[in-house]
Amino acid sequence: MKILVVDDVGYTCHFHARLIEKFGYRCCSATSGFEALNLLKTDNDINIVITDLMMRGMDGVDLYKEAQHLERFTDDGQLDPPQFILMTALRLEKNSNDKDVQRLKLAKELGIDKIMFKPLDQKELRETLKDMLMGVPKSSLNTQSVDLYTPAQKIKDAVKDIIESGNSGAAEQFMECLNGEVHHLQEFLSKLETVQN
């Protein structure tokens, strides 16, 4: 497992690469979208890309789109496309006709896994990487991957919305729903243990 950092500003690229290593992950870096694409074609260990949005030549959105069509294989079969974190100093509140802001909106529409605003919040980045890395485990009974990152992020967003709204009724209903789903998962794991034993 490796994380690729992409930024055409050298010192920014170096800073974020060292930060990822400080978190305890293996990291490589590229100073252009084209260089990043070549690394993705040759290094199957890369499964997360942290890229700047605005870069010369190929920007972060184009890199994401190209990466979705790469065919990467291991002995176990074809790899899923890498997960993407898009870094930007832009804010959507700016002039919506601005070309760069339109690229940011397109990134959201394309479904990029996470958009983070510069300067990056180190705690948020660490948590996001942890969530992403636990997000695509392989089942012990088959090799089908499961995306846990997207639904986990939706749950976190819902909890945040409930807390910010101060709606205790919604909080109780959500807890009830979650407890029911936890019960289903516990039953599932119990059945699996029975089958394996």
C-alpha atoms as a PDB file:
ATOM      1  CA  MET A   1       0.000   0.000   0.000  1.00  0.00           C
ATOM      2  CA  LYS A   2       1.387   3.347  -1.066  1.00  0.00           C
ATOM      3  CA  ILE A   3       0.159   6.939  -1.317  1.00  0.00           C
ATOM      4  CA  LEU A   4       1.025   9.157  -4.284  1.00  0.00           C
ATOM      5  CA  VAL A   5       1.283  12.931  -3.736  1.00  0.00           C
ATOM      6  CA  VAL A   6       0.945  15.111  -6.847  1.00  0.00           C
ATOM      7  CA  ASP A   7       1.646  18.860  -6.936  1.00  0.00           C
ATOM      8  CA  ASP A   8       3.481  20.961  -9.513  1.00  0.00           C
ATOM      9  CA  VAL A   9       4.847  23.224  -6.766  1.00  0.00           C
ATOM     10  CA  GLY A  10       7.961  21.349  -5.649  1.00  0.00           C
ATOM     11  CA  TYR A  11       8.160  22.440  -2.007  1.00  0.00           C
ATOM     12  CA  THR A  12       4.421  21.812  -1.475  1.00  0.00           C
ATOM     13  CA  CYS A  13       4.765  18.337  -2.978  1.00  0.00           C
ATOM     14  CA  HIS A  14       7.780  17.621  -0.749  1.00  0.00           C
ATOM     15  CA  PHE A  15       6.007  18.941   2.374  1.00  0.00           C
ATOM     16  CA  HIS A  16       2.933  16.761   1.884  1.00  0.00           C
ATOM     17  CA  ALA A  17       5.004  13.680   1.001  1.00  0.00           C
ATOM     18  CA  ARG A  18       7.021  14.058   4.237  1.00  0.00           C
ATOM     19  CA  LEU A  19       3.789  14.571   6.189  1.00  0.00           C
ATOM     20  CA  ILE A  20       2.340  11.307   4.813  1.00  0.00           C
ATOM     21  CA  GLU A  21       5.543   9.488   5.781  1.00  0.00           C
ATOM     22  CA  LYS A  22       5.326  11.022   9.264  1.00  0.00           C
ATOM     23  CA  PHE A  23       1.869   9.430   9.536  1.00  0.00           C
ATOM     24  CA  GLY A  24       3.598   6.077   8.929  1.00  0.00           C
ATOM     25  CA  TYR A  25       2.646   5.424   5.289  1.00  0.00           C
ATOM     26  CA  ARG A  26       4.810   4.653   2.274  1.00  0.00           C
ATOM     27  CA  CYS A  27       4.746   7.562  -0.128  1.00  0.00           C
ATOM     28  CA  CYS A  28       5.931   8.585  -3.578  1.00  0.00           C
ATOM     29  CA  SER A  29       5.498  11.906  -5.368  1.00  0.00           C
ATOM     30  CA  ALA A  30       5.068  13.462  -8.792  1.00  0.00           C
ATOM     31  CA  THR A  31       5.277  17.088  -9.927  1.00  0.00           C
ATOM     32  CA  SER A  32       2.816  16.761 -12.820  1.00  0.00           C
ATOM     33  CA  GLY A  33      -0.316  14.859 -13.754  1.00  0.00           C
ATOM     34  CA  PHE A  34       1.545  13.117 -16.574  1.00  0.00           C
ATOM     35  CA  GLU A  35       4.300  11.906 -14.224  1.00  0.00           C
ATOM     36  CA  ALA A  36       1.635  10.718 -11.767  1.00  0.00           C
ATOM     37  CA  LEU A  37      -0.157   8.778 -14.507  1.00  0.00           C
ATOM     38  CA  ASN A  38       3.079   7.019 -15.465  1.00  0.00           C
ATOM     39  CA  LEU A  39       3.662   6.057 -11.817  1.00  0.00           C
ATOM     40  CA  LEU A  40       0.126   4.658 -11.578  1.00  0.00           C
ATOM     41  CA  LYS A  41       0.756   2.570 -14.714  1.00  0.00           C
ATOM     42  CA  THR A  42       3.931   1.036 -13.286  1.00  0.00           C
ATOM     43  CA  ASP A  43       3.370   0.879  -9.509  1.00  0.00           C
ATOM     44  CA  ASN A  44       0.443  -1.318  -8.463  1.00  0.00           C
ATOM     45  CA  ASP A  45       1.053  -0.588  -4.765  1.00  0.00           C
ATOM     46  CA  ILE A  46      -0.411   2.918  -5.125  1.00  0.00           C
ATOM     47  CA  ASN A  47      -4.037   2.926  -4.016  1.00  0.00           C
ATOM     48  CA  ILE A  48      -4.498   6.509  -2.808  1.00  0.00           C
ATOM     49  CA  VAL A  49      -3.639   9.669  -4.774  1.00  0.00           C
ATOM     50  CA  ILE A  50      -3.487  13.099  -3.109  1.00  0.00           C
ATOM     51  CA  THR A  51      -3.394  15.652  -5.908  1.00  0.00           C
ATOM     52  CA  ASP A  52      -3.560  19.400  -6.296  1.00  0.00           C
ATOM     53  CA  LEU A  53      -6.499  20.641  -8.369  1.00  0.00           C
ATOM     54  CA  MET A  54      -4.758  23.366 -10.378  1.00  0.00           C
ATOM     55  CA  MET A  55      -1.623  22.151 -12.175  1.00  0.00           C
ATOM     56  CA  ARG A  56      -0.024  22.979 -15.507  1.00  0.00           C
ATOM     57  CA  GLY A  57      -0.766  20.537 -18.333  1.00  0.00           C
ATOM     58  CA  MET A  58      -2.958  17.910 -16.674  1.00  0.00           C
ATOM     59  CA  ASP A  59      -4.877  19.155 -13.647  1.00  0.00           C
ATOM     60  CA  GLY A  60      -6.175  17.061 -10.760  1.00  0.00           C
ATOM     61  CA  VAL A  61      -9.587  16.479 -12.347  1.00  0.00           C
ATOM     62  CA  ASP A  62      -8.072  15.231 -15.624  1.00  0.00           C
ATOM     63  CA  LEU A  63      -5.691  12.993 -13.661  1.00  0.00           C
ATOM     64  CA  TYR A  64      -8.661  11.505 -11.793  1.00  0.00           C
ATOM     65  CA  LYS A  65     -10.552  10.859 -15.048  1.00  0.00           C
ATOM     66  CA  GLU A  66      -7.509   9.222 -16.680  1.00  0.00           C
ATOM     67  CA  ALA A  67      -6.851   7.060 -13.607  1.00  0.00           C
ATOM     68  CA  GLN A  68     -10.388   5.618 -13.763  1.00  0.00           C
ATOM     69  CA  HIS A  69      -9.563   4.021 -17.141  1.00  0.00           C
ATOM     70  CA  LEU A  70      -6.167   2.560 -16.260  1.00  0.00           C
ATOM     71  CA  GLU A  71      -5.953  -1.223 -16.379  1.00  0.00           C
ATOM     72  CA  ARG A  72      -3.781  -2.340 -13.480  1.00  0.00           C
ATOM     73  CA  PHE A  73      -3.364  -6.006 -12.626  1.00  0.00           C
ATOM     74  CA  THR A  74      -1.810  -8.150  -9.918  1.00  0.00           C
ATOM     75  CA  ASP A  75      -1.630 -11.937  -9.639  1.00  0.00           C
ATOM     76  CA  ASP A  76      -5.064 -11.761  -7.952  1.00  0.00           C
ATOM     77  CA  GLY A  77      -6.694  -9.970 -10.892  1.00  0.00           C
ATOM     78  CA  GLN A  78      -7.582  -6.407 -11.875  1.00  0.00           C
ATOM     79  CA  LEU A  79      -7.118  -3.622  -9.340  1.00  0.00           C
ATOM     80  CA  ASP A  80      -9.777  -1.024  -8.585  1.00  0.00           C
ATOM     81  CA  PRO A  81      -8.892   2.563  -9.541  1.00  0.00           C
ATOM     82  CA  PRO A  82      -7.031   4.419  -6.788  1.00  0.00           C
ATOM     83  CA  GLN A  83      -8.968   6.567  -4.335  1.00  0.00           C
ATOM     84  CA  PHE A  84      -8.461  10.316  -4.742  1.00  0.00           C
ATOM     85  CA  ILE A  85      -8.086  13.261  -2.389  1.00  0.00           C
ATOM     86  CA  LEU A  86      -8.201  16.585  -4.244  1.00  0.00           C
ATOM     87  CA  MET A  87      -6.400  19.551  -2.647  1.00  0.00           C
ATOM     88  CA  THR A  88      -7.385  23.113  -3.499  1.00  0.00           C
ATOM     89  CA  ALA A  89      -7.159  26.664  -2.207  1.00  0.00           C
ATOM     90  CA  LEU A  90     -10.357  27.542  -4.103  1.00  0.00           C
ATOM     91  CA  ARG A  91     -13.699  28.018  -2.407  1.00  0.00           C
ATOM     92  CA  LEU A  92     -17.030  27.347  -4.120  1.00  0.00           C
ATOM     93  CA  GLU A  93     -18.444  30.623  -2.761  1.00  0.00           C
ATOM     94  CA  LYS A  94     -16.297  32.475  -5.300  1.00  0.00           C
ATOM     95  CA  ASN A  95     -17.631  33.628  -8.649  1.00  0.00           C
ATOM     96  CA  SER A  96     -19.369  30.555 -10.032  1.00  0.00           C
ATOM     97  CA  ASN A  97     -18.401  31.528 -13.582  1.00  0.00           C
ATOM     98  CA  ASP A  98     -14.711  31.325 -12.720  1.00  0.00           C
ATOM     99  CA  LYS A  99     -13.097  28.553 -14.818  1.00  0.00           C
ATOM    100  CA  ASP A 100     -11.144  27.132 -11.846  1.00  0.00           C
ATOM    101  CA  VAL A 101     -14.251  27.057  -9.660  1.00  0.00           C
ATOM    102  CA  GLN A 102     -16.049  25.202 -12.472  1.00  0.00           C
ATOM    103  CA  ARG A 103     -13.286  22.559 -12.338  1.00  0.00           C
ATOM    104  CA  LEU A 104     -13.868  22.181  -8.607  1.00  0.00           C
ATOM    105  CA  LYS A 105     -17.598  21.749  -9.191  1.00  0.00           C
ATOM    106  CA  LEU A 106     -16.863  19.148 -11.870  1.00  0.00           C
ATOM    107  CA  ALA A 107     -14.655  17.274  -9.380  1.00  0.00           C
ATOM    108  CA  LYS A 108     -17.611  17.049  -6.992  1.00  0.00           C
ATOM    109  CA  GLU A 109     -19.928  15.880  -9.781  1.00  0.00           C
ATOM    110  CA  LEU A 110     -17.452  13.181 -10.890  1.00  0.00           C
ATOM    111  CA  GLY A 111     -17.444  11.758  -7.377  1.00  0.00           C
ATOM    112  CA  ILE A 112     -13.853  12.339  -6.296  1.00  0.00           C
ATOM    113  CA  ASP A 113     -13.561  10.610  -2.921  1.00  0.00           C
ATOM    114  CA  LYS A 114     -12.569  13.668  -0.873  1.00  0.00           C
ATOM    115  CA  ILE A 115     -11.931  17.363  -1.467  1.00  0.00           C
ATOM    116  CA  MET A 116      -9.717  19.102   1.079  1.00  0.00           C
ATOM    117  CA  PHE A 117      -9.015  22.808   1.268  1.00  0.00           C
ATOM    118  CA  LYS A 118      -5.532  24.250   1.683  1.00  0.00           C
ATOM    119  CA  PRO A 119      -3.880  24.639   4.037  1.00  0.00           C
ATOM    120  CA  LEU A 120      -4.666  21.005   4.785  1.00  0.00           C
ATOM    121  CA  ASP A 121      -5.899  20.181   8.270  1.00  0.00           C
ATOM    122  CA  GLN A 122      -3.390  17.523   9.332  1.00  0.00           C
ATOM    123  CA  LYS A 123      -5.778  15.816  11.748  1.00  0.00           C
ATOM    124  CA  GLU A 124      -8.491  15.636   9.065  1.00  0.00           C
ATOM    125  CA  LEU A 125      -5.982  14.286   6.524  1.00  0.00           C
ATOM    126  CA  ARG A 126      -4.790  11.588   8.932  1.00  0.00           C
ATOM    127  CA  GLU A 127      -8.395  10.537   9.692  1.00  0.00           C
ATOM    128  CA  THR A 128      -9.346  10.552   5.998  1.00  0.00           C
ATOM    129  CA  LEU A 129      -6.381   8.323   5.086  1.00  0.00           C
ATOM    130  CA  LYS A 130      -7.231   5.943   7.928  1.00  0.00           C
ATOM    131  CA  ASP A 131     -10.861   5.746   6.743  1.00  0.00           C
ATOM    132  CA  MET A 132      -9.804   5.198   3.132  1.00  0.00           C
ATOM    133  CA  LEU A 133      -7.363   2.444   4.024  1.00  0.00           C
ATOM    134  CA  MET A 134      -9.979   0.537   5.999  1.00  0.00           C
ATOM    135  CA  GLY A 135     -12.484   1.174   3.229  1.00  0.00           C
ATOM    136  CA  VAL A 136     -11.743  -1.601   0.759  1.00  0.00           C
ATOM    137  CA  PRO A 137     -11.007  -4.814   2.673  1.00  0.00           C
ATOM    138  CA  LYS A 138     -11.056  -8.240   1.099  1.00  0.00           C
ATOM    139  CA  SER A 139     -13.474 -10.780   2.512  1.00  0.00           C
ATOM    140  CA  SER A 140     -11.924 -13.913   3.971  1.00  0.00           C
ATOM    141  CA  LEU A 141     -14.332 -16.057   1.927  1.00  0.00           C
ATOM    142  CA  ASN A 142     -14.001 -14.334  -1.454  1.00  0.00           C
ATOM    143  CA  THR A 143     -11.991 -11.637  -3.198  1.00  0.00           C
ATOM    144  CA  GLN A 144     -14.823  -9.182  -3.862  1.00  0.00           C
ATOM    145  CA  SER A 145     -13.896  -5.698  -2.646  1.00  0.00           C
ATOM    146  CA  VAL A 146     -16.342  -3.615  -0.636  1.00  0.00           C
ATOM    147  CA  ASP A 147     -16.353   0.182  -0.589  1.00  0.00           C
ATOM    148  CA  LEU A 148     -16.834   1.150   3.055  1.00  0.00           C
ATOM    149  CA  TYR A 149     -15.407   4.643   2.702  1.00  0.00           C
ATOM    150  CA  THR A 150     -18.392   6.207   0.885  1.00  0.00           C
ATOM    151  CA  PRO A 151     -21.140   4.991   3.261  1.00  0.00           C
ATOM    152  CA  ALA A 152     -18.950   5.645   6.317  1.00  0.00           C
ATOM    153  CA  GLN A 153     -18.435   9.219   5.131  1.00  0.00           C
ATOM    154  CA  LYS A 154     -22.208   9.633   4.643  1.00  0.00           C
ATOM    155  CA  ILE A 155     -22.835   8.397   8.192  1.00  0.00           C
ATOM    156  CA  LYS A 156     -20.253  10.845   9.558  1.00  0.00           C
ATOM    157  CA  ASP A 157     -21.838  13.695   7.592  1.00  0.00           C
ATOM    158  CA  ALA A 158     -25.327  12.752   8.868  1.00  0.00           C
ATOM    159  CA  VAL A 159     -24.110  12.651  12.488  1.00  0.00           C
ATOM    160  CA  LYS A 160     -22.447  16.047  12.042  1.00  0.00           C
ATOM    161  CA  ASP A 161     -25.676  17.501  10.569  1.00  0.00           C
ATOM    162  CA  ILE A 162     -27.769  16.098  13.435  1.00  0.00           C
ATOM    163  CA  ILE A 163     -25.417  17.499  16.081  1.00  0.00           C
ATOM    164  CA  GLU A 164     -25.275  20.907  14.379  1.00  0.00           C
ATOM    165  CA  SER A 165     -29.092  21.008  14.109  1.00  0.00           C
ATOM    166  CA  GLY A 166     -29.516  20.205  17.817  1.00  0.00           C
ATOM    167  CA  ASN A 167     -32.371  17.833  16.908  1.00  0.00           C
ATOM    168  CA  SER A 168     -32.483  15.233  19.707  1.00  0.00           C
ATOM    169  CA  GLY A 169     -35.398  13.353  18.073  1.00  0.00           C
ATOM    170  CA  ALA A 170     -33.372  12.862  14.893  1.00  0.00           C
ATOM    171  CA  ALA A 171     -30.394  11.743  17.006  1.00  0.00           C
ATOM    172  CA  GLU A 172     -32.515   9.077  18.759  1.00  0.00           C
ATOM    173  CA  GLN A 173     -33.994   7.822  15.467  1.00  0.00           C
ATOM    174  CA  PHE A 174     -30.558   7.648  13.861  1.00  0.00           C
ATOM    175  CA  MET A 175     -29.145   5.749  16.859  1.00  0.00           C
ATOM    176  CA  GLU A 176     -32.042   3.286  16.649  1.00  0.00           C
ATOM    177  CA  CYS A 177     -31.387   2.746  12.951  1.00  0.00           C
ATOM    178  CA  LEU A 178     -27.632   2.262  13.510  1.00  0.00           C
ATOM    179  CA  ASN A 179     -28.213  -0.177  16.385  1.00  0.00           C
ATOM    180  CA  GLY A 180     -30.489  -2.242  14.130  1.00  0.00           C
ATOM    181  CA  GLU A 181     -27.832  -2.404  11.422  1.00  0.00           C
ATOM    182  CA  VAL A 182     -25.147  -3.308  13.986  1.00  0.00           C
ATOM    183  CA  HIS A 183     -27.411  -6.171  15.118  1.00  0.00           C
ATOM    184  CA  HIS A 184     -27.643  -7.434  11.497  1.00  0.00           C
ATOM    185  CA  LEU A 185     -23.845  -7.336  11.161  1.00  0.00           C
ATOM    186  CA  GLN A 186     -23.406  -9.213  14.452  1.00  0.00           C
ATOM    187  CA  GLU A 187     -25.791 -11.929  13.217  1.00  0.00           C
ATOM    188  CA  PHE A 188     -23.864 -12.114   9.936  1.00  0.00           C
ATOM    189  CA  LEU A 189     -20.525 -12.510  11.745  1.00  0.00           C
ATOM    190  CA  SER A 190     -21.997 -15.183  14.049  1.00  0.00           C
ATOM    191  CA  LYS A 191     -23.190 -17.170  11.005  1.00  0.00           C
ATOM    192  CA  LEU A 192     -19.760 -16.841   9.390  1.00  0.00           C
ATOM    193  CA  GLU A 193     -18.063 -18.164  12.543  1.00  0.00           C
ATOM    194  CA  THR A 194     -20.448 -21.125  12.566  1.00  0.00           C
ATOM    195  CA  VAL A 195     -19.694 -21.904   8.891  1.00  0.00           C
ATOM    196  CA  GLN A 196     -15.920 -21.596   9.410  1.00  0.00           C
ATOM    197  CA  ASN A 197     -15.979 -23.825  12.504  1.00  0.00           C
END
